[in-house]
Structure formats: C-alpha cells, structure tokens
PDB file of N, CA and C in Angstrom:
ATOM      1  N   MET A   1       1.373  -3.433  13.159  1.00  0.00           N
ATOM      2  CA  MET A   1       1.914  -4.887  13.228  1.00  0.00           C
ATOM      3  C   MET A   1       3.168  -5.706  13.113  1.00  0.00           C
ATOM      4  N   ALA A   2       3.335  -6.642  14.166  1.00  0.00           N
ATOM      5  CA  ALA A   2       4.404  -7.823  14.477  1.00  0.00           C
ATOM      6  C   ALA A   2       4.434  -8.334  13.026  1.00  0.00           C
ATOM      7  N   TYR A   3       5.016  -8.032  12.095  1.00  0.00           N
ATOM      8  CA  TYR A   3       5.204  -8.991  10.718  1.00  0.00           C
ATOM      9  C   TYR A   3       6.269  -9.940  10.806  1.00  0.00           C
ATOM     10  N   GLY A   4       6.991  -9.854  12.331  1.00  0.00           N
ATOM     11  CA  GLY A   4       7.950 -10.998  11.972  1.00  0.00           C
ATOM     12  C   GLY A   4       7.478 -11.983  12.188  1.00  0.00           C
ATOM     13  N   LYS A   5       5.754 -11.711  13.194  1.00  0.00           N
ATOM     14  CA  LYS A   5       5.238 -13.376  13.503  1.00  0.00           C
ATOM     15  C   LYS A   5       4.444 -13.822  12.376  1.00  0.00           C
ATOM     16  N   LEU A   6       4.228 -13.592  11.670  1.00  0.00           N
ATOM     17  CA  LEU A   6       4.011 -13.935  10.107  1.00  0.00           C
ATOM     18  C   LEU A   6       4.981 -14.736   9.452  1.00  0.00           C
ATOM     19  N   SER A   7       4.346 -15.931   8.829  1.00  0.00           N
ATOM     20  CA  SER A   7       4.632 -17.208   8.122  1.00  0.00           C
ATOM     21  C   SER A   7       5.889 -15.972   6.911  1.00  0.00           C
ATOM     22  N   GLU A   8       6.688 -16.978   6.046  1.00  0.00           N
ATOM     23  CA  GLU A   8       7.223 -16.219   4.942  1.00  0.00           C
ATOM     24  C   GLU A   8       6.099 -16.340   3.991  1.00  0.00           C
ATOM     25  N   ALA A   9       5.038 -17.042   3.769  1.00  0.00           N
ATOM     26  CA  ALA A   9       3.783 -17.387   2.823  1.00  0.00           C
ATOM     27  C   ALA A   9       3.144 -16.126   3.124  1.00  0.00           C
ATOM     28  N   GLU A  10       2.858 -16.171   4.139  1.00  0.00           N
ATOM     29  CA  GLU A  10       1.718 -14.340   4.680  1.00  0.00           C
ATOM     30  C   GLU A  10       2.594 -13.056   4.767  1.00  0.00           C
ATOM     31  N   ILE A  11       4.039 -13.221   4.957  1.00  0.00           N
ATOM     32  CA  ILE A  11       4.306 -11.693   4.657  1.00  0.00           C
ATOM     33  C   ILE A  11       4.224 -11.668   3.070  1.00  0.00           C
ATOM     34  N   ARG A  12       4.731 -12.556   2.401  1.00  0.00           N
ATOM     35  CA  ARG A  12       4.850 -12.604   0.629  1.00  0.00           C
ATOM     36  C   ARG A  12       3.582 -12.043   0.444  1.00  0.00           C
ATOM     37  N   TYR A  13       2.322 -12.934   0.860  1.00  0.00           N
ATOM     38  CA  TYR A  13       0.517 -12.444   0.429  1.00  0.00           C
ATOM     39  C   TYR A  13       0.710 -10.750   0.810  1.00  0.00           C
ATOM     40  N   ALA A  14       1.333 -11.104   1.771  1.00  0.00           N
ATOM     41  CA  ALA A  14       0.909  -9.063   2.133  1.00  0.00           C
ATOM     42  C   ALA A  14       1.532  -8.153   1.451  1.00  0.00           C
ATOM     43  N   ILE A  15       2.759  -8.590   1.017  1.00  0.00           N
ATOM     44  CA  ILE A  15       3.537  -7.843   0.210  1.00  0.00           C
ATOM     45  C   ILE A  15       2.702  -7.458  -1.030  1.00  0.00           C
ATOM     46  N   ASN A  16       2.138  -8.854  -1.894  1.00  0.00           N
ATOM     47  CA  ASN A  16       1.410  -8.950  -2.824  1.00  0.00           C
ATOM     48  C   ASN A  16       0.083  -7.427  -2.715  1.00  0.00           C
ATOM     49  N   GLN A  17      -0.204  -7.878  -1.747  1.00  0.00           N
ATOM     50  CA  GLN A  17      -1.866  -6.669  -1.469  1.00  0.00           C
ATOM     51  C   GLN A  17      -1.552  -5.604  -1.323  1.00  0.00           C
ATOM     52  N   THR A  18      -0.140  -5.452  -0.946  1.00  0.00           N
ATOM     53  CA  THR A  18       0.366  -3.768  -0.406  1.00  0.00           C
ATOM     54  C   THR A  18       0.606  -3.134  -1.839  1.00  0.00           C
ATOM     55  N   LYS A  19       1.530  -3.974  -2.547  1.00  0.00           N
ATOM     56  CA  LYS A  19       1.595  -3.392  -4.085  1.00  0.00           C
ATOM     57  C   LYS A  19       0.803  -3.294  -5.125  1.00  0.00           C
ATOM     58  N   GLU A  20      -0.553  -4.325  -4.794  1.00  0.00           N
ATOM     59  CA  GLU A  20      -1.698  -4.050  -5.334  1.00  0.00           C
ATOM     60  C   GLU A  20      -2.296  -2.803  -5.025  1.00  0.00           C
ATOM     61  N   ALA A  21      -3.113  -2.386  -3.406  1.00  0.00           N
ATOM     62  CA  ALA A  21      -2.816  -1.306  -3.193  1.00  0.00           C
ATOM     63  C   ALA A  21      -2.283   0.191  -3.657  1.00  0.00           C
ATOM     64  N   ILE A  22      -1.006   0.273  -3.209  1.00  0.00           N
ATOM     65  CA  ILE A  22      -0.286   1.277  -3.762  1.00  0.00           C
ATOM     66  C   ILE A  22      -0.613   1.595  -5.308  1.00  0.00           C
ATOM     67  N   GLN A  23      -1.075   0.279  -6.332  1.00  0.00           N
ATOM     68  CA  GLN A  23      -1.241   0.774  -7.514  1.00  0.00           C
ATOM     69  C   GLN A  23      -2.482   1.107  -7.570  1.00  0.00           C
ATOM     70  N   ARG A  24      -3.408   0.594  -6.600  1.00  0.00           N
ATOM     71  CA  ARG A  24      -5.190   1.327  -7.015  1.00  0.00           C
ATOM     72  C   ARG A  24      -5.126   2.750  -6.510  1.00  0.00           C
ATOM     73  N   GLY A  25      -4.294   3.295  -5.400  1.00  0.00           N
ATOM     74  CA  GLY A  25      -4.078   4.259  -5.120  1.00  0.00           C
ATOM     75  C   GLY A  25      -3.651   5.494  -6.004  1.00  0.00           C
ATOM     76  N   HIS A  26      -2.435   5.100  -7.133  1.00  0.00           N
ATOM     77  CA  HIS A  26      -2.276   5.828  -7.715  1.00  0.00           C
ATOM     78  C   HIS A  26      -3.156   5.638  -9.052  1.00  0.00           C
ATOM     79  N   ASP A  27      -3.567   4.763  -9.436  1.00  0.00           N
ATOM     80  CA  ASP A  27      -4.638   4.674 -10.515  1.00  0.00           C
ATOM     81  C   ASP A  27      -5.995   5.667  -9.812  1.00  0.00           C
ATOM     82  N   LEU A  28      -6.123   5.636  -8.878  1.00  0.00           N
ATOM     83  CA  LEU A  28      -7.223   6.462  -8.552  1.00  0.00           C
ATOM     84  C   LEU A  28      -7.142   8.080  -8.712  1.00  0.00           C
ATOM     85  N   LEU A  29      -5.137   8.718  -8.037  1.00  0.00           N
ATOM     86  CA  LEU A  29      -5.713   9.502  -8.513  1.00  0.00           C
ATOM     87  C   LEU A  29      -5.218  10.076  -9.812  1.00  0.00           C
ATOM     88  N   LYS A  30      -4.892   9.164 -11.013  1.00  0.00           N
ATOM     89  CA  LYS A  30      -4.961   9.343 -12.421  1.00  0.00           C
ATOM     90  C   LYS A  30      -6.478  10.040 -12.787  1.00  0.00           C
ATOM     91  N   THR A  31      -7.350   9.195 -12.867  1.00  0.00           N
ATOM     92  CA  THR A  31      -8.495   9.220 -12.999  1.00  0.00           C
ATOM     93  C   THR A  31      -9.130  10.488 -12.360  1.00  0.00           C
ATOM     94  N   VAL A  32      -9.049  10.575 -11.167  1.00  0.00           N
ATOM     95  CA  VAL A  32      -9.306  11.729 -10.716  1.00  0.00           C
ATOM     96  C   VAL A  32      -8.975  12.963 -11.637  1.00  0.00           C
ATOM     97  N   ALA A  33      -7.826  13.180 -11.628  1.00  0.00           N
ATOM     98  CA  ALA A  33      -7.175  14.172 -12.379  1.00  0.00           C
ATOM     99  C   ALA A  33      -8.111  13.991 -13.616  1.00  0.00           C
ATOM    100  N   GLU A  34      -8.339  12.786 -14.380  1.00  0.00           N
ATOM    101  CA  GLU A  34      -9.437  13.238 -15.213  1.00  0.00           C
ATOM    102  C   GLU A  34     -10.569  13.658 -15.421  1.00  0.00           C
ATOM    103  N   LYS A  35     -11.127  13.681 -14.464  1.00  0.00           N
ATOM    104  CA  LYS A  35     -13.016  13.512 -14.638  1.00  0.00           C
ATOM    105  C   LYS A  35     -12.918  14.961 -13.790  1.00  0.00           C
ATOM    106  N   PRO A  36     -13.945  15.559 -13.839  1.00  0.00           N
ATOM    107  CA  PRO A  36     -14.888  16.707 -13.087  1.00  0.00           C
ATOM    108  C   PRO A  36     -14.445  16.162 -11.589  1.00  0.00           C
ATOM    109  N   LYS A  37     -14.722  17.047 -10.944  1.00  0.00           N
ATOM    110  CA  LYS A  37     -14.288  16.676  -9.337  1.00  0.00           C
ATOM    111  C   LYS A  37     -15.796  17.131  -8.746  1.00  0.00           C
ATOM    112  N   THR A  38     -16.184  16.128  -7.750  1.00  0.00           N
ATOM    113  CA  THR A  38     -17.303  16.968  -6.533  1.00  0.00           C
ATOM    114  C   THR A  38     -16.575  16.387  -5.274  1.00  0.00           C
ATOM    115  N   LYS A  39     -17.326  17.126  -4.237  1.00  0.00           N
ATOM    116  CA  LYS A  39     -16.554  17.648  -3.349  1.00  0.00           C
ATOM    117  C   LYS A  39     -16.178  16.317  -2.678  1.00  0.00           C
ATOM    118  N   GLY A  40     -17.141  15.051  -2.781  1.00  0.00           N
ATOM    119  CA  GLY A  40     -16.498  13.792  -2.101  1.00  0.00           C
ATOM    120  C   GLY A  40     -15.054  13.335  -2.883  1.00  0.00           C
ATOM    121  N   VAL A  41     -15.232  13.577  -3.943  1.00  0.00           N
ATOM    122  CA  VAL A  41     -13.952  12.883  -4.843  1.00  0.00           C
ATOM    123  C   VAL A  41     -12.587  13.687  -4.544  1.00  0.00           C
ATOM    124  N   GLU A  42     -13.006  15.000  -4.175  1.00  0.00           N
ATOM    125  CA  GLU A  42     -11.807  16.022  -3.927  1.00  0.00           C
ATOM    126  C   GLU A  42     -11.340  15.622  -2.776  1.00  0.00           C
ATOM    127  N   LEU A  43     -12.072  14.903  -1.797  1.00  0.00           N
ATOM    128  CA  LEU A  43     -11.672  14.666  -0.230  1.00  0.00           C
ATOM    129  C   LEU A  43     -11.327  13.452  -0.426  1.00  0.00           C
ATOM    130  N   VAL A  44     -11.269  12.321  -1.582  1.00  0.00           N
ATOM    131  CA  VAL A  44     -10.522  11.217  -1.824  1.00  0.00           C
ATOM    132  C   VAL A  44      -9.020  11.448  -2.272  1.00  0.00           C
ATOM    133  N   ALA A  45      -9.187  12.481  -3.357  1.00  0.00           N
ATOM    134  CA  ALA A  45      -7.942  12.473  -4.004  1.00  0.00           C
ATOM    135  C   ALA A  45      -6.936  13.185  -2.829  1.00  0.00           C
ATOM    136  N   ALA A  46      -7.666  14.087  -1.977  1.00  0.00           N
ATOM    137  CA  ALA A  46      -6.789  14.541  -0.872  1.00  0.00           C
ATOM    138  C   ALA A  46      -5.946  13.413   0.242  1.00  0.00           C
ATOM    139  N   SER A  47      -7.049  12.709   0.230  1.00  0.00           N
ATOM    140  CA  SER A  47      -6.311  11.830   1.459  1.00  0.00           C
ATOM    141  C   SER A  47      -5.399  10.738   0.848  1.00  0.00           C
ATOM    142  N   THR A  48      -5.998  10.514  -0.677  1.00  0.00           N
ATOM    143  CA  THR A  48      -4.908   9.144  -1.315  1.00  0.00           C
ATOM    144  C   THR A  48      -3.988   9.209  -0.947  1.00  0.00           C
ATOM    145  N   PRO A  49      -2.967  10.724  -1.305  1.00  0.00           N
ATOM    146  CA  PRO A  49      -1.651  10.478  -0.871  1.00  0.00           C
ATOM    147  C   PRO A  49      -1.337  10.064   0.194  1.00  0.00           C
ATOM    148  N   LEU A  50      -1.789  10.405   1.523  1.00  0.00           N
ATOM    149  CA  LEU A  50      -1.427   9.964   2.442  1.00  0.00           C
ATOM    150  C   LEU A  50      -1.299   8.552   2.865  1.00  0.00           C
ATOM    151  N   LEU A  51      -2.753   7.750   2.168  1.00  0.00           N
ATOM    152  CA  LEU A  51      -3.050   6.869   2.397  1.00  0.00           C
ATOM    153  C   LEU A  51      -1.729   6.062   1.595  1.00  0.00           C
ATOM    154  N   ILE A  52      -1.186   6.407   0.361  1.00  0.00           N
ATOM    155  CA  ILE A  52      -0.068   5.616  -0.242  1.00  0.00           C
ATOM    156  C   ILE A  52       1.045   5.811   0.197  1.00  0.00           C
ATOM    157  N   GLU A  53       1.433   7.033   1.020  1.00  0.00           N
ATOM    158  CA  GLU A  53       2.751   6.912   1.685  1.00  0.00           C
ATOM    159  C   GLU A  53       2.893   5.663   2.899  1.00  0.00           C
ATOM    160  N   LYS A  54       1.544   5.423   3.444  1.00  0.00           N
ATOM    161  CA  LYS A  54       1.642   4.555   4.588  1.00  0.00           C
ATOM    162  C   LYS A  54       1.674   3.744   4.362  1.00  0.00           C
ATOM    163  N   LEU A  55       1.103   3.359   3.108  1.00  0.00           N
ATOM    164  CA  LEU A  55       1.369   1.690   2.438  1.00  0.00           C
ATOM    165  C   LEU A  55       2.580   1.357   1.686  1.00  0.00           C
ATOM    166  N   GLU A  56       3.516   2.558   1.335  1.00  0.00           N
ATOM    167  CA  GLU A  56       5.078   2.181   1.022  1.00  0.00           C
ATOM    168  C   GLU A  56       5.361   1.973   2.149  1.00  0.00           C
ATOM    169  N   ALA A  57       5.331   2.658   3.541  1.00  0.00           N
ATOM    170  CA  ALA A  57       5.840   2.613   4.614  1.00  0.00           C
ATOM    171  C   ALA A  57       6.118   1.131   5.260  1.00  0.00           C
ATOM    172  N   ASP A  58       4.456   0.527   4.967  1.00  0.00           N
ATOM    173  CA  ASP A  58       4.385  -0.869   5.550  1.00  0.00           C
ATOM    174  C   ASP A  58       4.688  -1.939   4.708  1.00  0.00           C
ATOM    175  N   LEU A  59       4.766  -1.459   3.789  1.00  0.00           N
ATOM    176  CA  LEU A  59       5.569  -2.571   2.399  1.00  0.00           C
ATOM    177  C   LEU A  59       7.102  -3.070   2.894  1.00  0.00           C
ATOM    178  N   SER A  60       7.972  -1.356   3.283  1.00  0.00           N
ATOM    179  CA  SER A  60       8.937  -1.549   3.187  1.00  0.00           C
ATOM    180  C   SER A  60       9.318  -2.247   4.625  1.00  0.00           C
ATOM    181  N   LYS A  61       8.121  -1.985   5.479  1.00  0.00           N
ATOM    182  CA  LYS A  61       8.803  -3.368   6.811  1.00  0.00           C
ATOM    183  C   LYS A  61       8.538  -4.252   6.502  1.00  0.00           C
ATOM    184  N   LEU A  62       7.038  -4.732   5.534  1.00  0.00           N
ATOM    185  CA  LEU A  62       7.209  -6.193   5.190  1.00  0.00           C
ATOM    186  C   LEU A  62       8.303  -6.557   4.399  1.00  0.00           C
ATOM    187  N   GLU A  63       9.001  -5.952   3.719  1.00  0.00           N
ATOM    188  CA  GLU A  63       9.956  -6.822   3.126  1.00  0.00           C
ATOM    189  C   GLU A  63      10.779  -6.698   3.680  1.00  0.00           C
ATOM    190  N   LYS A  64      11.532  -6.074   4.721  1.00  0.00           N
ATOM    191  CA  LYS A  64      12.339  -6.287   5.624  1.00  0.00           C
ATOM    192  C   LYS A  64      11.792  -7.584   6.825  1.00  0.00           C
ATOM    193  N   ALA A  65      10.995  -7.604   6.823  1.00  0.00           N
ATOM    194  CA  ALA A  65      10.768  -8.898   7.527  1.00  0.00           C
ATOM    195  C   ALA A  65      10.559  -9.769   6.665  1.00  0.00           C
ATOM    196  N   LEU A  66      10.522 -10.397   5.502  1.00  0.00           N
ATOM    197  CA  LEU A  66      10.182 -11.340   4.318  1.00  0.00           C
ATOM    198  C   LEU A  66      12.203 -11.698   4.717  1.00  0.00           C
ATOM    199  N   GLU A  67      12.481 -10.566   4.538  1.00  0.00           N
ATOM    200  CA  GLU A  67      14.251 -10.897   4.231  1.00  0.00           C
ATOM    201  C   GLU A  67      14.635 -11.867   5.617  1.00  0.00           C
ATOM    202  N   LYS A  68      14.425 -10.779   6.883  1.00  0.00           N
ATOM    203  CA  LYS A  68      14.744 -11.606   8.347  1.00  0.00           C
ATOM    204  C   LYS A  68      14.225 -12.836   7.998  1.00  0.00           C
ATOM    205  N   LYS A  69      13.213 -13.361   7.833  1.00  0.00           N
ATOM    206  CA  LYS A  69      12.663 -14.965   7.936  1.00  0.00           C
ATOM    207  C   LYS A  69      13.213 -15.439   6.682  1.00  0.00           C
ATOM    208  N   SER A  70      13.755 -15.138   5.690  1.00  0.00           N
ATOM    209  CA  SER A  70      14.501 -15.422   4.419  1.00  0.00           C
ATOM    210  C   SER A  70      15.945 -16.253   5.125  1.00  0.00           C
ATOM    211  N   LYS A  71      15.999 -15.469   5.548  1.00  0.00           N
ATOM    212  CA  LYS A  71      17.993 -15.733   6.144  1.00  0.00           C
ATOM    213  C   LYS A  71      17.680 -16.235   7.679  1.00  0.00           C
ATOM    214  N   ALA A  72      16.514 -16.970   8.156  1.00  0.00           N
ATOM    215  CA  ALA A  72      16.498 -17.295   8.834  1.00  0.00           C
ATOM    216  C   ALA A  72      16.117 -19.092   8.911  1.00  0.00           C
TER     217      ALA A  72
END
C-alpha cells in the first residue's frame, strides 16, 4: 500500500491498529502454548509468526511514512 498517500491522522491510526494486531498475535501464540492443541489450532500457531513478521514490516513502513509526513 502507498502509505504516503494517507493523511498523518490515518497513518497514526494505522500504526496503532498494527501494533494492536502484533500484540494480539503474540497473545495468541502464548495462549496456544499453554493449552492442548487441535489440528486447526496448530495451523494457526504455525502461521501466526509469519503474520506477525509481515505486520512488523508494515509497521516499519508506516512509521517511515509518518516521519516523512511530519517533516513535510
């Protein structure tokens, strides 16, 4: 996504939402580690680290876009 086209407020909102999604992913992994696993839960647990990685990459891009907007 072209984050530079978003307003500063939209970027800030996206950053907050992305941070929340990352935290929920970490919480999910913690919960899965503590409870018995089913095949579906195992699949979720296996895919969640990749999702978190992608969210962290997006967060980095959003923070850079915000920095550029703030300097403009």
